[in-house]
N, C-alpha and C. Protein backbone atom coordinates (compact mmCIF):
# COMPACT_ATOMS: atom_id res chain seq x y z
N MET A 1 54.83 53.49 154.66
CA MET A 1 54.75 52.95 153.60
C MET A 1 54.13 51.79 153.03
N LYS A 2 53.85 50.98 154.14
CA LYS A 2 52.80 49.42 154.35
C LYS A 2 51.49 50.21 154.07
N ALA A 3 51.22 51.26 154.95
CA ALA A 3 49.90 51.72 154.94
C ALA A 3 49.34 52.32 153.46
N LYS A 4 50.25 53.05 152.51
CA LYS A 4 50.25 53.65 151.36
C LYS A 4 49.65 52.36 150.64
N ILE A 5 50.46 51.30 150.52
CA ILE A 5 50.38 50.38 149.67
C ILE A 5 48.93 49.61 149.81
N PHE A 6 48.62 49.36 151.13
CA PHE A 6 47.15 48.77 151.40
C PHE A 6 46.44 49.58 151.33
N LEU A 7 46.36 50.88 151.12
CA LEU A 7 45.16 51.98 150.83
C LEU A 7 45.28 51.83 149.44
N LEU A 8 46.40 51.69 148.51
CA LEU A 8 46.09 51.63 147.15
C LEU A 8 45.48 50.56 146.81
N LEU A 9 45.72 49.35 147.10
CA LEU A 9 45.46 48.13 147.32
C LEU A 9 43.84 47.84 147.27
N THR A 10 43.28 48.86 148.41
CA THR A 10 42.03 48.72 148.87
C THR A 10 41.19 49.29 147.62
N ILE A 11 41.46 50.39 147.41
CA ILE A 11 40.79 51.82 146.39
C ILE A 11 40.94 50.86 145.37
N LEU A 12 42.05 50.06 144.70
CA LEU A 12 41.62 49.17 143.67
C LEU A 12 41.11 48.10 143.55
N THR A 13 40.63 47.35 144.46
CA THR A 13 40.13 46.21 144.46
C THR A 13 38.51 46.62 144.50
N ALA A 14 38.34 47.90 145.53
CA ALA A 14 37.11 48.70 145.47
C ALA A 14 35.96 48.95 143.91
N LEU A 15 37.88 49.39 142.99
CA LEU A 15 37.16 49.62 141.74
C LEU A 15 36.61 48.96 140.79
N PHE A 16 37.41 47.48 140.72
CA PHE A 16 37.34 46.31 140.32
C PHE A 16 36.09 45.70 140.54
N GLN A 17 35.65 46.04 141.95
CA GLN A 17 34.24 45.46 142.30
C GLN A 17 33.16 45.84 141.77
N GLN A 18 33.08 47.20 141.22
CA GLN A 18 32.00 48.31 140.67
C GLN A 18 31.66 47.46 139.07
N GLU A 19 30.64 47.40 139.09
CA GLU A 19 30.48 46.96 137.92
C GLU A 19 30.43 48.32 136.73
N VAL A 20 30.77 48.22 135.65
CA VAL A 20 31.23 49.08 134.58
C VAL A 20 30.11 48.88 133.26
N LYS A 21 29.21 50.01 132.85
CA LYS A 21 28.13 49.34 132.07
C LYS A 21 28.76 49.98 130.70
N ALA A 22 29.49 49.66 129.71
CA ALA A 22 30.14 50.72 128.65
C ALA A 22 29.25 50.95 127.60
N GLN A 23 28.26 49.58 127.51
CA GLN A 23 27.31 49.62 126.28
C GLN A 23 26.01 49.09 126.55
N ALA A 24 25.21 49.16 125.59
CA ALA A 24 23.83 48.54 126.17
C ALA A 24 23.25 48.21 124.79
N THR A 25 22.71 47.03 125.09
CA THR A 25 22.02 46.09 123.31
C THR A 25 20.45 46.29 123.63
N ALA A 26 20.09 46.45 122.34
CA ALA A 26 18.72 46.24 121.81
C ALA A 26 18.26 45.39 121.04
N TYR A 27 16.91 44.90 120.76
CA TYR A 27 16.87 43.64 119.63
C TYR A 27 15.61 44.19 118.92
N ALA A 28 15.60 43.76 117.88
CA ALA A 28 14.60 43.81 116.78
C ALA A 28 13.93 42.77 115.96
N ASN A 29 12.79 42.40 115.77
CA ASN A 29 12.40 41.44 114.59
C ASN A 29 12.66 41.47 113.61
N ILE A 30 12.76 40.42 112.60
CA ILE A 30 12.47 40.54 110.89
C ILE A 30 11.53 40.37 110.23
N PHE A 31 10.90 41.02 109.39
CA PHE A 31 9.79 40.36 108.83
C PHE A 31 9.64 40.71 107.41
N CYS A 32 8.92 40.36 106.23
CA CYS A 32 8.79 40.48 105.26
C CYS A 32 7.21 40.32 104.57
N THR A 33 6.74 40.46 103.63
CA THR A 33 6.00 40.38 102.77
C THR A 33 6.20 39.75 101.36
N ILE A 34 5.90 38.79 100.74
CA ILE A 34 6.25 38.33 99.58
C ILE A 34 5.06 38.53 98.59
N VAL A 35 5.19 39.03 97.67
CA VAL A 35 4.07 39.07 96.96
C VAL A 35 4.46 39.15 95.57
N ALA A 36 3.30 38.38 94.32
CA ALA A 36 3.30 38.09 93.44
C ALA A 36 3.73 39.19 92.61
N PRO A 37 4.69 38.74 91.45
CA PRO A 37 5.36 39.37 90.71
C PRO A 37 4.36 40.37 89.63
N VAL A 38 4.31 41.62 89.23
CA VAL A 38 3.44 42.17 88.22
C VAL A 38 3.53 41.46 87.09
N GLU A 39 2.83 41.31 86.06
CA GLU A 39 3.00 40.58 84.59
C GLU A 39 2.49 41.65 83.94
N ILE A 40 3.44 41.74 82.69
CA ILE A 40 3.25 42.74 81.86
C ILE A 40 2.53 42.19 80.44
N ALA A 41 1.77 42.53 79.59
CA ALA A 41 1.78 42.27 78.31
C ALA A 41 1.43 43.10 77.47
N LYS A 42 2.40 43.36 76.20
CA LYS A 42 2.40 44.14 75.20
C LYS A 42 0.87 43.93 74.55
N VAL A 43 0.14 44.89 74.30
CA VAL A 43 -0.85 45.00 73.70
C VAL A 43 -0.79 45.71 72.14
N MET A 44 0.02 46.47 71.94
CA MET A 44 0.15 47.14 70.61
C MET A 44 1.28 47.89 70.94
N ASP A 45 2.12 47.96 69.38
CA ASP A 45 3.56 48.61 69.15
C ASP A 45 2.93 50.15 68.99
N MET A 46 3.71 50.98 68.83
CA MET A 46 3.50 52.20 68.54
C MET A 46 3.67 52.47 66.89
N SER A 47 2.99 53.09 66.21
CA SER A 47 2.54 53.68 64.85
C SER A 47 2.80 54.48 64.84
N ALA A 48 3.37 55.68 63.67
CA ALA A 48 2.74 56.99 63.06
C ALA A 48 2.22 56.87 61.99
N GLY A 49 1.80 55.64 61.45
CA GLY A 49 1.25 55.37 60.19
C GLY A 49 2.01 55.99 58.99
N LYS A 50 1.47 56.39 57.61
CA LYS A 50 2.10 56.93 56.84
C LYS A 50 2.31 58.28 57.11
N ILE A 51 3.37 58.88 56.72
CA ILE A 51 3.74 60.37 56.74
C ILE A 51 3.92 60.80 54.99
N ILE A 52 3.31 61.75 54.56
CA ILE A 52 3.76 62.14 52.95
C ILE A 52 5.18 63.46 53.36
N SER A 53 5.90 62.66 52.75
CA SER A 53 7.26 63.64 52.42
C SER A 53 7.42 64.80 51.70
N GLY A 54 8.17 65.70 51.71
CA GLY A 54 7.84 67.15 51.00
C GLY A 54 8.31 67.94 51.89
N ASN A 55 8.35 69.24 51.17
CA ASN A 55 8.68 70.75 51.79
C ASN A 55 7.73 71.03 52.59
N THR A 56 6.17 70.27 52.49
CA THR A 56 5.11 71.05 53.51
C THR A 56 4.64 69.98 54.88
N ALA A 57 5.82 69.53 55.36
CA ALA A 57 5.92 69.16 56.17
C ALA A 57 5.15 69.78 57.53
N PRO A 58 3.95 68.38 58.09
CA PRO A 58 3.00 69.22 58.70
C PRO A 58 3.80 70.24 59.90
N SER A 59 4.97 69.60 60.55
CA SER A 59 5.45 70.26 61.67
C SER A 59 6.76 69.64 61.69
N ASN A 60 7.74 70.17 62.33
CA ASN A 60 9.06 69.19 62.89
C ASN A 60 8.61 68.42 63.85
N GLN A 61 7.56 68.23 64.71
CA GLN A 61 7.57 67.12 65.70
C GLN A 61 6.27 67.05 65.80
N LEU A 62 5.86 65.60 65.30
CA LEU A 62 4.52 65.08 65.40
C LEU A 62 4.10 64.17 66.59
N SER A 63 3.16 64.42 67.01
CA SER A 63 2.90 63.48 68.47
C SER A 63 2.12 62.13 68.11
N ILE A 64 2.18 61.16 68.41
CA ILE A 64 1.92 60.10 68.65
C ILE A 64 0.56 59.75 69.65
N THR A 65 -0.47 60.48 69.62
CA THR A 65 -1.03 60.14 71.30
C THR A 65 -2.30 59.84 70.68
N SER A 66 -3.05 59.38 71.85
CA SER A 66 -4.29 58.93 71.64
C SER A 66 -5.19 59.87 71.29
N ASP A 67 -5.19 60.99 71.28
CA ASP A 67 -5.85 62.36 71.24
C ASP A 67 -5.90 62.79 69.88
N ASN A 68 -4.21 62.49 69.35
CA ASN A 68 -4.30 63.37 68.07
C ASN A 68 -4.02 61.37 66.87
N MET A 69 -5.11 61.28 66.84
CA MET A 69 -5.16 59.68 65.95
C MET A 69 -4.83 60.26 64.20
N ASN A 70 -4.83 61.58 64.06
CA ASN A 70 -5.30 61.96 62.50
C ASN A 70 -3.76 62.38 61.72
N LEU A 71 -2.79 62.00 62.11
CA LEU A 71 -1.22 62.81 62.01
C LEU A 71 -1.12 62.17 60.49
N SER A 72 -1.51 61.07 60.55
CA SER A 72 -0.87 60.27 58.84
C SER A 72 -2.41 60.56 57.70
N GLN A 73 -1.41 60.19 56.59
CA GLN A 73 -1.99 60.09 55.37
C GLN A 73 -3.33 59.05 55.62
N ASP A 74 -2.89 57.98 55.90
CA ASP A 74 -4.12 56.75 56.20
C ASP A 74 -4.65 56.87 57.66
N GLY A 75 -4.23 57.97 58.41
CA GLY A 75 -4.71 57.85 59.95
C GLY A 75 -4.71 56.70 60.91
N LYS A 76 -3.82 55.74 60.52
CA LYS A 76 -3.79 54.75 61.34
C LYS A 76 -2.37 54.69 62.13
N THR A 77 -2.70 55.74 63.33
CA THR A 77 -1.31 55.88 64.23
C THR A 77 -2.00 55.11 65.56
N ASN A 78 -0.91 54.53 65.93
CA ASN A 78 -1.16 53.82 67.29
C ASN A 78 -0.22 53.89 68.59
N VAL A 79 -0.55 54.60 69.74
CA VAL A 79 0.20 54.69 70.70
C VAL A 79 0.22 52.98 71.22
N ALA A 80 1.41 53.07 71.89
CA ALA A 80 1.98 51.66 72.49
C ALA A 80 1.24 51.67 73.21
N ALA A 81 0.71 50.41 73.73
CA ALA A 81 -0.22 49.84 74.89
C ALA A 81 0.48 48.54 75.30
N PHE A 82 0.23 48.78 76.66
CA PHE A 82 0.58 47.69 77.57
C PHE A 82 -0.70 47.13 78.66
N THR A 83 -0.77 45.97 78.95
CA THR A 83 -1.57 45.42 80.16
C THR A 83 -1.06 44.93 81.17
N ILE A 84 -0.85 45.70 82.68
CA ILE A 84 -0.38 45.06 83.64
C ILE A 84 -1.43 44.15 84.44
N SER A 85 -1.01 43.47 85.31
CA SER A 85 -1.53 42.98 86.31
C SER A 85 -1.25 42.06 87.23
N GLY A 86 -1.90 42.04 88.01
CA GLY A 86 -0.87 41.37 89.66
C GLY A 86 -2.26 41.87 90.90
N LYS A 87 -1.80 41.72 91.90
CA LYS A 87 -2.90 41.93 92.96
C LYS A 87 -2.51 43.02 94.14
N ASN A 88 -3.40 43.58 94.55
CA ASN A 88 -3.24 44.72 95.38
C ASN A 88 -1.88 45.33 95.44
N ASN A 89 -0.96 45.68 94.38
CA ASN A 89 0.22 46.50 94.23
C ASN A 89 0.19 47.99 93.87
N VAL A 90 0.99 48.62 94.40
CA VAL A 90 1.02 50.32 93.81
C VAL A 90 2.67 50.00 92.84
N PHE A 91 2.48 50.37 91.49
CA PHE A 91 3.41 50.66 90.78
C PHE A 91 3.34 52.01 90.19
N ALA A 92 4.78 52.57 89.83
CA ALA A 92 4.97 53.79 89.39
C ALA A 92 5.45 53.03 87.74
N VAL A 93 5.12 53.85 86.64
CA VAL A 93 5.49 53.79 85.13
C VAL A 93 6.66 54.48 84.95
N THR A 94 8.08 53.62 84.70
CA THR A 94 9.00 54.46 84.42
C THR A 94 9.12 54.66 82.83
N LEU A 95 9.20 55.64 82.21
CA LEU A 95 9.77 55.40 80.74
C LEU A 95 10.96 55.89 80.20
N GLN A 96 11.16 55.39 79.05
CA GLN A 96 12.56 55.84 78.36
C GLN A 96 12.56 57.30 78.58
N ASN A 97 13.79 57.58 78.71
CA ASN A 97 14.08 59.35 78.85
C ASN A 97 15.08 59.44 77.35
N GLN A 98 15.59 58.65 77.10
CA GLN A 98 16.49 58.95 76.10
C GLN A 98 15.71 59.10 74.85
N PRO A 99 16.15 59.87 73.72
CA PRO A 99 15.51 59.77 72.26
C PRO A 99 16.07 58.10 72.01
N LEU A 100 15.20 57.71 70.66
CA LEU A 100 15.15 56.75 69.85
C LEU A 100 15.57 56.93 68.41
N GLU A 101 16.20 56.28 68.05
CA GLU A 101 16.66 56.48 66.59
C GLU A 101 15.59 55.46 65.39
N LEU A 102 14.63 55.76 64.67
CA LEU A 102 14.61 54.98 63.86
C LEU A 102 15.41 55.48 62.36
N PHE A 103 15.49 54.24 62.02
CA PHE A 103 16.18 54.18 60.53
C PHE A 103 14.96 53.77 59.58
N ASN A 104 15.48 53.99 58.08
CA ASN A 104 14.72 52.98 56.72
C ASN A 104 16.25 52.51 56.56
N GLU A 105 15.45 51.62 55.32
CA GLU A 105 16.90 50.96 54.65
C GLU A 105 18.15 51.53 53.92
N LYS A 106 17.93 52.61 53.72
CA LYS A 106 19.21 53.67 53.35
C LYS A 106 19.86 54.38 54.61
N SER A 107 19.71 53.81 55.90
CA SER A 107 20.47 54.40 57.15
C SER A 107 19.85 56.11 57.43
N ASN A 108 18.56 56.41 56.84
CA ASN A 108 18.47 57.71 57.05
C ASN A 108 17.31 57.70 58.45
N SER A 109 17.59 58.49 58.96
CA SER A 109 16.69 58.55 60.54
C SER A 109 16.22 59.77 61.01
N VAL A 110 15.08 59.29 61.65
CA VAL A 110 14.24 59.99 62.40
C VAL A 110 14.41 59.93 63.74
N THR A 111 14.02 60.81 64.84
CA THR A 111 13.88 60.56 65.91
C THR A 111 12.72 60.39 66.62
N VAL A 112 12.58 59.98 67.79
CA VAL A 112 11.52 59.57 68.33
C VAL A 112 11.67 59.74 70.47
N ASN A 113 11.09 61.06 70.43
CA ASN A 113 11.53 61.54 72.07
C ASN A 113 10.42 61.80 72.93
N ASN A 114 10.27 62.79 74.01
CA ASN A 114 9.23 62.62 74.84
C ASN A 114 8.09 62.02 74.98
N PHE A 115 8.75 60.69 75.31
CA PHE A 115 7.87 59.37 75.86
C PHE A 115 7.05 59.88 76.88
N ALA A 116 5.65 59.47 76.90
CA ALA A 116 4.84 59.99 77.97
C ALA A 116 3.49 59.24 78.36
N SER A 117 2.93 59.13 79.35
CA SER A 117 1.67 58.18 79.96
C SER A 117 1.08 59.01 80.71
N LYS A 118 -0.15 59.12 80.60
CA LYS A 118 -1.30 59.57 81.26
C LYS A 118 -1.36 58.98 82.63
N THR A 119 -0.41 57.53 82.91
CA THR A 119 -0.65 56.70 83.88
C THR A 119 0.81 57.05 84.52
N ALA A 120 1.17 57.71 85.41
CA ALA A 120 2.42 57.70 86.15
C ALA A 120 2.76 57.11 86.99
N MET A 121 1.63 56.62 87.98
CA MET A 121 1.38 55.63 88.55
C MET A 121 -0.07 54.84 88.83
N ILE A 122 0.29 53.72 89.19
CA ILE A 122 -0.99 53.08 89.45
C ILE A 122 -1.41 52.36 90.89
N THR A 123 -2.06 52.73 91.39
CA THR A 123 -2.25 52.91 93.29
C THR A 123 -2.84 51.52 93.38
N ASP A 124 -3.73 50.82 92.37
CA ASP A 124 -4.27 49.65 92.96
C ASP A 124 -4.68 48.73 92.14
N LEU A 125 -4.19 47.88 91.39
CA LEU A 125 -4.79 46.71 90.95
C LEU A 125 -5.99 45.99 91.08
N GLY A 126 -6.13 46.31 92.42
CA GLY A 126 -7.24 44.82 92.77
C GLY A 126 -6.57 43.57 93.06
N ASN A 127 -7.39 43.07 92.36
CA ASN A 127 -7.23 41.44 91.74
C ASN A 127 -7.22 41.84 90.11
N GLY A 128 -7.33 42.55 89.80
CA GLY A 128 -7.03 42.57 88.16
C GLY A 128 -6.31 43.48 87.44
N GLU A 129 -6.72 44.00 86.06
CA GLU A 129 -5.46 44.52 85.17
C GLU A 129 -5.80 45.84 84.82
N GLN A 130 -4.74 46.43 84.34
CA GLN A 130 -5.11 47.84 84.04
C GLN A 130 -4.09 48.21 82.80
N LYS A 131 -4.81 48.62 81.45
CA LYS A 131 -3.91 49.03 80.59
C LYS A 131 -3.24 50.43 80.50
N VAL A 132 -2.13 50.65 80.23
CA VAL A 132 -1.46 51.61 80.13
C VAL A 132 -0.87 51.65 78.50
N THR A 133 -1.21 53.31 78.41
CA THR A 133 -1.12 53.43 76.82
C THR A 133 0.35 54.72 76.86
N ILE A 134 1.09 54.55 75.97
CA ILE A 134 2.49 55.27 75.97
C ILE A 134 2.25 56.25 74.23
N SER A 135 2.68 57.64 74.60
CA SER A 135 2.92 58.31 73.72
C SER A 135 3.97 59.16 73.28
N ALA A 136 4.53 59.71 72.24
CA ALA A 136 5.77 60.12 72.00
C ALA A 136 5.76 60.91 70.87
N SER A 137 6.98 61.86 70.62
CA SER A 137 6.87 62.63 68.97
C SER A 137 7.93 62.13 68.39
N LEU A 138 7.64 62.23 67.38
CA LEU A 138 8.29 61.79 66.18
C LEU A 138 9.11 63.29 65.44
N ASN A 139 10.12 63.33 65.37
CA ASN A 139 10.85 64.36 64.73
C ASN A 139 10.98 64.18 63.12
N VAL A 140 10.13 64.93 62.54
CA VAL A 140 10.27 64.58 60.99
C VAL A 140 10.66 65.95 60.49
N THR A 141 12.02 65.96 59.72
CA THR A 141 12.43 67.21 58.92
C THR A 141 11.55 67.23 57.44
N LYS A 142 11.60 68.32 56.95
CA LYS A 142 11.00 68.91 55.69
C LYS A 142 11.59 67.82 54.48
N ASN A 143 10.92 67.43 53.58
CA ASN A 143 11.77 66.59 52.69
C ASN A 143 12.22 65.32 53.13
N GLN A 144 11.52 64.83 54.25
CA GLN A 144 12.85 63.32 54.73
C GLN A 144 12.92 62.39 53.98
N PRO A 145 13.81 61.71 53.68
CA PRO A 145 13.33 60.81 52.58
C PRO A 145 12.55 59.74 53.03
N THR A 146 12.19 58.99 51.76
CA THR A 146 11.00 58.22 51.83
C THR A 146 11.86 56.70 52.39
N GLY A 147 10.51 55.96 53.20
CA GLY A 147 11.30 54.64 53.28
C GLY A 147 10.17 54.09 54.60
N ASN A 148 10.82 52.95 54.76
CA ASN A 148 9.96 52.62 56.44
C ASN A 148 11.15 52.60 57.26
N TYR A 149 10.39 53.07 58.02
CA TYR A 149 11.48 53.55 59.41
C TYR A 149 11.11 52.77 60.40
N ASP A 150 12.44 51.98 61.30
CA ASP A 150 11.94 51.33 62.31
C ASP A 150 12.97 51.71 63.34
N SER A 151 12.89 51.25 64.66
CA SER A 151 14.12 51.15 65.51
C SER A 151 14.77 50.03 65.62
N LYS A 152 16.20 50.01 65.85
CA LYS A 152 16.63 48.71 66.37
C LYS A 152 16.80 48.19 67.26
N SER A 153 16.12 48.67 68.14
CA SER A 153 15.94 48.03 69.32
C SER A 153 14.58 48.66 70.29
N PRO A 154 13.54 48.31 70.91
CA PRO A 154 12.50 48.34 71.66
C PRO A 154 12.65 49.51 72.48
N PHE A 155 11.97 50.64 73.09
CA PHE A 155 11.70 51.42 74.14
C PHE A 155 11.57 50.86 75.16
N ASN A 156 11.95 51.63 76.28
CA ASN A 156 11.76 50.57 77.60
C ASN A 156 10.41 51.14 78.36
N VAL A 157 9.81 50.36 79.02
CA VAL A 157 8.73 50.98 80.03
C VAL A 157 8.75 50.11 81.19
N THR A 158 9.24 50.45 82.16
CA THR A 158 9.38 49.71 83.18
C THR A 158 8.16 49.97 84.19
N PHE A 159 7.72 48.86 85.10
CA PHE A 159 6.62 48.78 85.90
C PHE A 159 7.24 48.52 87.43
N ASN A 160 7.74 49.96 88.30
CA ASN A 160 8.52 49.12 89.42
C ASN A 160 7.10 49.41 90.46
N TYR A 161 7.38 48.40 91.52
CA TYR A 161 6.80 48.29 93.03
C TYR A 161 7.17 49.81 93.38
N ASN A 162 6.15 50.25 94.13
CA ASN A 162 6.38 51.34 94.74
C ASN A 162 5.78 51.45 96.73
């Protein structure tokens, strides 16, 4: 019996003297680069100019684009324009994706949607700036009530670091 106990204690002692490695550790450094924020300046608001009301509206949807500047009676349509500036940064241009309602003095409305920009991504400003224009579609019905239509709030244009 004493021999069995001695043998068991010897085995247990040998097991406890063995190094047991149940885990391993690795290390990594942390770093970052702080860049100057992008600066955005509005150059121009969007305007469809004067549109003639009546049962002969040109179409249900008028495009406000830099390629189509003769929508209105007075020919004064404007795309929205912004200037962004910064240093050596890549930006993605994100536009409003929800329609925007414009209201006149009597609460009649028209809808603006399909916001678009030819500049979806700015790959490098270098040390300068770049102009970004935004176009949209204005949905006008035949016999649209007259008045000055305006949005209750501006539309969103976001420049995100990429």
